[in-house]
N, C-alpha and C. Protein backbone atom coordinates (compact mmCIF):
# COMPACT_ATOMS: atom_id res chain seq x y z
N MET A 1 26.45 -2.37 18.94
CA MET A 1 25.92 -1.17 17.98
C MET A 1 26.86 -0.28 17.66
N ASP A 2 27.15 0.00 16.67
CA ASP A 2 28.15 0.88 15.80
C ASP A 2 27.69 2.38 16.10
N ALA A 3 28.97 3.02 16.26
CA ALA A 3 28.51 4.48 15.98
C ALA A 3 27.40 5.13 14.97
N TRP A 4 26.75 5.88 15.78
CA TRP A 4 25.72 6.41 14.86
C TRP A 4 26.20 7.95 14.10
N LYS A 5 25.95 7.77 12.71
CA LYS A 5 26.33 8.84 11.83
C LYS A 5 25.51 10.32 12.04
N ILE A 6 26.64 11.54 12.18
CA ILE A 6 26.07 12.52 12.54
C ILE A 6 25.69 13.55 11.26
N GLU A 7 24.26 13.62 11.24
CA GLU A 7 24.18 14.10 9.53
C GLU A 7 24.41 15.47 9.68
N ALA A 8 24.14 16.31 10.67
CA ALA A 8 24.32 17.90 10.87
C ALA A 8 24.14 18.16 12.29
N ILE A 9 24.75 19.57 12.42
CA ILE A 9 24.76 19.79 13.98
C ILE A 9 23.96 21.06 14.05
N LEU A 10 23.05 21.05 14.77
CA LEU A 10 22.16 22.07 14.53
C LEU A 10 22.10 22.99 15.67
N ASP A 11 23.00 23.02 16.79
CA ASP A 11 23.37 24.15 17.94
C ASP A 11 24.40 23.80 18.55
N LYS A 12 24.84 24.89 19.20
CA LYS A 12 26.01 24.55 19.90
C LYS A 12 25.79 25.20 21.46
N VAL A 13 25.74 24.65 22.79
CA VAL A 13 25.52 24.95 23.88
C VAL A 13 26.64 25.03 25.04
N PRO A 14 26.89 26.17 25.48
CA PRO A 14 28.06 26.23 26.37
C PRO A 14 27.39 25.64 27.56
N ILE A 15 28.43 25.22 28.20
CA ILE A 15 28.38 24.76 29.90
C ILE A 15 29.33 24.46 30.63
N ASN A 16 29.20 24.83 31.94
CA ASN A 16 30.49 24.70 33.01
C ASN A 16 30.83 23.69 33.45
N LYS A 17 31.79 22.53 33.21
CA LYS A 17 31.70 21.38 33.77
C LYS A 17 33.27 21.50 34.57
N LYS A 18 33.19 21.49 36.02
CA LYS A 18 34.08 21.39 37.03
C LYS A 18 35.00 22.82 36.93
N GLY A 19 34.38 23.89 36.55
CA GLY A 19 34.95 25.01 36.29
C GLY A 19 35.37 25.37 34.91
N LYS A 20 35.29 24.49 33.90
CA LYS A 20 35.77 24.60 32.54
C LYS A 20 34.81 24.76 31.58
N LYS A 21 34.82 25.58 30.93
CA LYS A 21 33.70 25.74 29.58
C LYS A 21 33.75 24.79 28.53
N GLN A 22 32.85 23.99 28.40
CA GLN A 22 32.93 22.98 27.46
C GLN A 22 31.40 23.15 26.57
N TYR A 23 30.90 22.65 25.65
CA TYR A 23 30.08 22.63 24.67
C TYR A 23 29.34 21.38 24.58
N LEU A 24 28.12 21.37 24.58
CA LEU A 24 27.15 20.21 24.12
C LEU A 24 26.48 20.58 22.76
N TYR A 25 26.76 19.65 21.92
CA TYR A 25 26.19 19.88 20.49
C TYR A 25 24.85 19.26 20.33
N LYS A 26 23.66 19.96 19.60
CA LYS A 26 22.47 19.29 19.63
C LYS A 26 23.07 19.01 17.82
N VAL A 27 22.70 17.57 17.67
CA VAL A 27 22.91 17.10 16.46
C VAL A 27 21.44 16.32 16.04
N ARG A 28 21.48 16.24 14.63
CA ARG A 28 20.55 15.36 13.79
C ARG A 28 21.34 14.25 13.54
N TRP A 29 20.96 12.75 13.71
CA TRP A 29 21.50 11.71 13.50
C TRP A 29 20.73 11.19 12.14
N ALA A 30 21.70 10.53 11.34
CA ALA A 30 20.98 10.06 9.90
C ALA A 30 20.36 8.67 10.44
N ASN A 31 19.87 8.00 9.56
CA ASN A 31 19.07 6.99 9.66
C ASN A 31 19.80 5.80 10.20
N SER A 32 19.61 4.99 11.24
CA SER A 32 20.37 3.82 11.61
C SER A 32 19.53 2.56 11.43
N LEU A 33 20.13 1.78 11.57
CA LEU A 33 19.44 0.44 11.65
C LEU A 33 19.74 -0.10 13.42
N VAL A 34 18.98 -0.60 14.05
CA VAL A 34 19.66 -1.21 15.35
C VAL A 34 18.24 -2.15 15.64
N THR A 35 18.79 -3.01 16.77
CA THR A 35 17.96 -4.28 17.17
C THR A 35 16.99 -3.63 17.77
N ALA A 36 16.28 -4.88 18.53
CA ALA A 36 15.17 -4.17 19.59
C ALA A 36 15.58 -4.17 20.94
N ASP A 37 16.93 -5.02 20.97
CA ASP A 37 17.90 -4.77 22.28
C ASP A 37 18.47 -3.42 22.41
N ASP A 38 18.44 -2.59 21.52
CA ASP A 38 19.01 -1.65 21.64
C ASP A 38 18.11 -0.23 22.10
N PHE A 39 16.83 -0.61 22.21
CA PHE A 39 16.21 0.32 22.78
C PHE A 39 15.97 0.30 24.23
N PRO A 40 16.48 1.28 25.09
CA PRO A 40 16.58 1.13 26.32
C PRO A 40 14.78 1.46 26.58
N ASP A 41 14.03 1.90 26.38
CA ASP A 41 12.61 1.95 26.55
C ASP A 41 11.72 1.67 25.41
N LYS A 42 11.37 0.08 25.89
CA LYS A 42 10.53 -0.65 24.89
C LYS A 42 9.32 -0.36 24.51
N SER A 43 8.55 0.81 25.16
CA SER A 43 7.23 1.41 24.67
C SER A 43 7.34 1.71 23.56
N ILE A 44 8.48 2.62 23.02
CA ILE A 44 8.61 3.34 21.71
C ILE A 44 8.35 2.16 20.51
N LEU A 45 9.13 0.82 20.84
CA LEU A 45 9.25 -0.14 19.79
C LEU A 45 7.54 -0.53 19.87
N ILE A 46 6.98 -0.81 21.02
CA ILE A 46 5.66 -1.57 21.14
C ILE A 46 4.84 -0.57 20.38
N GLN A 47 5.01 0.74 20.29
CA GLN A 47 3.79 1.75 19.67
C GLN A 47 4.18 1.68 18.13
N PHE A 48 5.55 1.31 17.66
CA PHE A 48 5.89 1.43 16.39
C PHE A 48 5.20 -0.21 16.14
N GLU A 49 5.23 -1.24 16.53
CA GLU A 49 4.77 -2.58 15.97
C GLU A 49 3.37 -2.48 15.86
N LYS A 50 2.52 -1.72 17.11
CA LYS A 50 1.32 -1.90 16.89
C LYS A 50 0.70 -0.48 15.96
N LYS A 51 1.52 -0.24 15.28
CA LYS A 51 1.25 1.08 14.39
C LYS A 51 0.40 2.49 15.09
N TYR A 52 1.01 2.54 16.35
CA TYR A 52 0.33 3.71 17.12
C TYR A 52 0.80 5.09 16.50
N PHE A 53 1.94 5.35 15.57
CA PHE A 53 2.29 6.52 15.41
C PHE A 53 1.18 6.89 14.34
N ASN A 54 1.20 8.28 14.65
CA ASN A 54 0.22 9.14 13.73
C ASN A 54 0.58 9.56 12.51
N TYR A 55 0.28 9.13 11.48
CA TYR A 55 0.76 9.57 10.18
C TYR A 55 -0.43 10.49 9.56
N GLU A 56 0.10 11.61 8.82
CA GLU A 56 -0.92 12.20 8.20
C GLU A 56 -0.65 12.04 6.40
N ILE A 57 -1.68 12.06 5.74
CA ILE A 57 -1.41 11.98 4.21
C ILE A 57 -1.16 13.62 3.86
N ILE A 58 -0.17 13.53 2.80
CA ILE A 58 0.28 14.59 2.30
C ILE A 58 -0.41 14.60 1.08
N GLY A 59 -0.51 13.55 0.23
CA GLY A 59 -1.32 13.27 -1.00
C GLY A 59 -0.30 12.63 -1.93
N PRO A 60 -1.12 12.72 -3.18
CA PRO A 60 -0.55 11.75 -4.18
C PRO A 60 0.69 12.61 -4.74
N VAL A 61 1.68 12.02 -5.16
CA VAL A 61 3.05 12.50 -5.78
C VAL A 61 2.59 12.30 -7.15
N LYS A 62 2.38 13.84 -7.78
CA LYS A 62 1.84 13.83 -9.03
C LYS A 62 3.19 13.36 -10.15
N LYS A 63 2.50 12.68 -10.90
CA LYS A 63 3.45 12.18 -12.23
C LYS A 63 3.13 13.07 -13.70
N GLY A 64 1.88 13.53 -13.42
CA GLY A 64 1.26 14.28 -14.78
C GLY A 64 1.80 15.56 -15.06
N LYS A 65 1.15 16.20 -16.14
CA LYS A 65 1.08 17.69 -16.22
C LYS A 65 0.14 18.17 -15.36
N GLY A 66 0.62 19.62 -15.26
CA GLY A 66 -0.31 20.60 -14.77
C GLY A 66 -1.70 20.09 -14.49
N GLY A 67 -2.76 20.50 -15.32
CA GLY A 67 -3.89 20.63 -15.31
C GLY A 67 -4.63 18.89 -15.72
N SER A 68 -3.97 17.84 -16.04
CA SER A 68 -4.32 16.85 -16.49
C SER A 68 -4.90 15.88 -15.12
N LEU A 69 -5.49 15.15 -15.66
CA LEU A 69 -6.49 14.19 -14.39
C LEU A 69 -5.25 12.84 -14.25
N ILE A 70 -5.20 12.68 -13.27
CA ILE A 70 -4.26 11.63 -12.54
C ILE A 70 -4.67 10.36 -12.18
N ASP A 71 -4.53 9.09 -12.36
CA ASP A 71 -5.64 7.94 -11.54
C ASP A 71 -4.84 7.92 -10.05
N ILE A 72 -5.28 8.58 -9.34
CA ILE A 72 -4.72 8.41 -7.83
C ILE A 72 -4.39 6.94 -7.40
N THR A 73 -4.95 5.84 -7.94
CA THR A 73 -4.89 4.58 -7.39
C THR A 73 -3.65 3.76 -7.99
N ASN A 74 -3.21 4.54 -8.76
CA ASN A 74 -1.93 4.02 -9.63
C ASN A 74 -0.63 4.65 -9.41
N ILE A 75 -0.31 5.68 -8.52
CA ILE A 75 0.49 6.75 -8.32
C ILE A 75 0.93 6.39 -6.59
N SER A 76 2.00 6.83 -6.44
CA SER A 76 2.45 6.88 -5.21
C SER A 76 1.83 7.71 -4.18
N TRP A 77 1.63 7.65 -3.10
CA TRP A 77 1.14 8.65 -2.13
C TRP A 77 2.34 9.21 -0.99
N LEU A 78 2.37 10.25 -0.68
CA LEU A 78 2.70 10.69 0.45
C LEU A 78 2.53 10.75 1.76
N ILE A 79 3.33 10.13 2.48
CA ILE A 79 2.79 10.33 4.17
C ILE A 79 3.91 10.88 5.12
N GLN A 80 3.34 11.53 6.20
CA GLN A 80 4.21 12.11 7.34
C GLN A 80 3.84 11.70 8.36
N CYS A 81 5.07 11.15 8.90
CA CYS A 81 4.46 10.57 10.52
C CYS A 81 4.57 12.02 11.56
N LYS A 82 3.47 12.43 12.24
CA LYS A 82 3.52 13.28 12.96
C LYS A 82 4.73 13.84 13.82
N GLN A 83 4.92 12.70 14.58
CA GLN A 83 5.66 12.54 15.67
C GLN A 83 7.11 12.78 15.46
N THR A 84 7.56 12.23 14.36
CA THR A 84 8.94 12.49 13.68
C THR A 84 9.35 13.49 12.52
N GLY A 85 8.00 13.59 11.69
CA GLY A 85 8.40 14.21 10.49
C GLY A 85 8.85 13.52 9.37
N GLU A 86 8.99 12.24 9.65
CA GLU A 86 9.59 11.58 8.51
C GLU A 86 8.37 11.15 7.56
N GLN A 87 9.12 11.32 6.29
CA GLN A 87 8.19 11.10 5.04
C GLN A 87 8.25 10.06 4.12
N LYS A 88 7.19 9.47 3.42
CA LYS A 88 7.80 8.23 3.00
C LYS A 88 6.93 8.14 1.82
N GLU A 89 6.85 7.32 0.77
CA GLU A 89 5.98 7.03 -0.41
C GLU A 89 5.34 5.90 -0.21
N VAL A 90 4.21 5.81 -0.62
CA VAL A 90 3.62 4.22 -0.37
C VAL A 90 2.66 4.26 -1.42
N SER A 91 2.21 3.11 -1.74
CA SER A 91 1.06 3.02 -2.68
C SER A 91 -0.34 3.10 -2.57
N TYR A 92 -1.34 3.69 -3.19
CA TYR A 92 -2.58 3.77 -2.73
C TYR A 92 -3.07 2.80 -2.01
N LYS A 93 -2.87 1.55 -2.29
CA LYS A 93 -3.41 0.19 -1.80
C LYS A 93 -3.09 0.28 -0.22
N GLU A 94 -1.73 0.49 0.05
CA GLU A 94 -1.23 0.85 1.53
C GLU A 94 -1.87 1.76 2.30
N VAL A 95 -2.06 3.08 1.61
CA VAL A 95 -2.53 4.01 2.17
C VAL A 95 -4.11 3.66 2.58
N LYS A 96 -4.82 3.14 1.65
CA LYS A 96 -6.33 2.56 1.71
C LYS A 96 -6.48 1.53 2.82
N GLU A 97 -5.57 0.85 3.05
CA GLU A 97 -5.42 -0.34 3.69
C GLU A 97 -5.18 0.09 5.36
N SER A 98 -4.09 0.68 5.41
CA SER A 98 -3.48 1.18 6.57
C SER A 98 -3.88 2.17 7.22
N PHE A 99 -4.25 3.38 6.18
CA PHE A 99 -4.69 4.51 7.10
C PHE A 99 -5.91 4.97 6.42
N PRO A 100 -7.06 4.16 6.63
CA PRO A 100 -8.35 4.44 6.20
C PRO A 100 -9.05 6.03 6.75
N GLU A 101 -9.02 6.00 7.89
CA GLU A 101 -9.60 7.26 8.46
C GLU A 101 -8.41 8.82 8.03
N GLN A 102 -7.37 8.44 7.89
CA GLN A 102 -6.59 9.67 7.46
C GLN A 102 -6.66 9.95 5.96
N LEU A 103 -7.19 8.56 5.39
CA LEU A 103 -7.63 9.00 3.74
C LEU A 103 -8.81 9.40 3.54
N LEU A 104 -10.02 9.22 4.30
CA LEU A 104 -11.06 10.09 4.30
C LEU A 104 -11.15 11.50 4.87
N LYS A 105 -10.14 11.87 5.73
CA LYS A 105 -9.61 13.00 6.29
C LYS A 105 -9.09 13.92 5.06
N PHE A 106 -8.20 13.30 4.46
CA PHE A 106 -7.23 14.05 3.15
C PHE A 106 -8.35 14.46 2.55
N TYR A 107 -9.23 13.33 1.89
CA TYR A 107 -10.33 13.72 0.87
C TYR A 107 -11.57 14.82 1.46
N GLU A 108 -11.75 14.57 2.56
CA GLU A 108 -12.70 15.71 3.30
C GLU A 108 -12.04 17.15 3.33
N ASP A 109 -10.98 17.30 3.44
CA ASP A 109 -10.05 18.56 3.53
C ASP A 109 -10.02 19.06 2.07
N ASN A 110 -9.37 18.28 1.18
CA ASN A 110 -9.03 18.94 -0.01
C ASN A 110 -9.94 18.53 -1.22
N LEU A 111 -10.99 17.82 -1.08
CA LEU A 111 -11.89 17.65 -2.33
C LEU A 111 -13.15 18.04 -2.30
N ALA A 112 -13.72 18.08 -0.64
CA ALA A 112 -14.96 18.67 -0.62
C ALA A 112 -15.12 19.83 -1.75
N GLN A 113 -14.35 20.79 -1.26
CA GLN A 113 -14.80 22.11 -1.93
C GLN A 113 -15.17 22.14 -3.53
N LEU A 114 -14.50 20.92 -4.30
CA LEU A 114 -14.51 20.86 -5.66
C LEU A 114 -16.15 20.41 -6.02
N ILE A 115 -16.64 19.61 -5.05
CA ILE A 115 -18.09 18.91 -5.45
C ILE A 115 -19.23 19.82 -5.17
């Protein structure tokens, strides 16, 4: 595996090692591609493969003007992984097929007051 690209330094923590003051840096890694062999703990890989990561639907990515109606089935939707905070745009069809419970909850939370 190649070295991972550091995206940002988040914090600097002083430590004493053999009587010398040193620092540990809390960093945010850039997205990286790895093989299955690079996972020391295979359980997270298994969870990902079985789609156990909990996603929350943020909503449709609006492409229209302020008050105009938008066909939500023909635009991208934004979803967010609860564990990692990663967001991605997916089609309505993928949301409907892969995350039906979350889609229903989104509708209940956001549209119930309009009915």
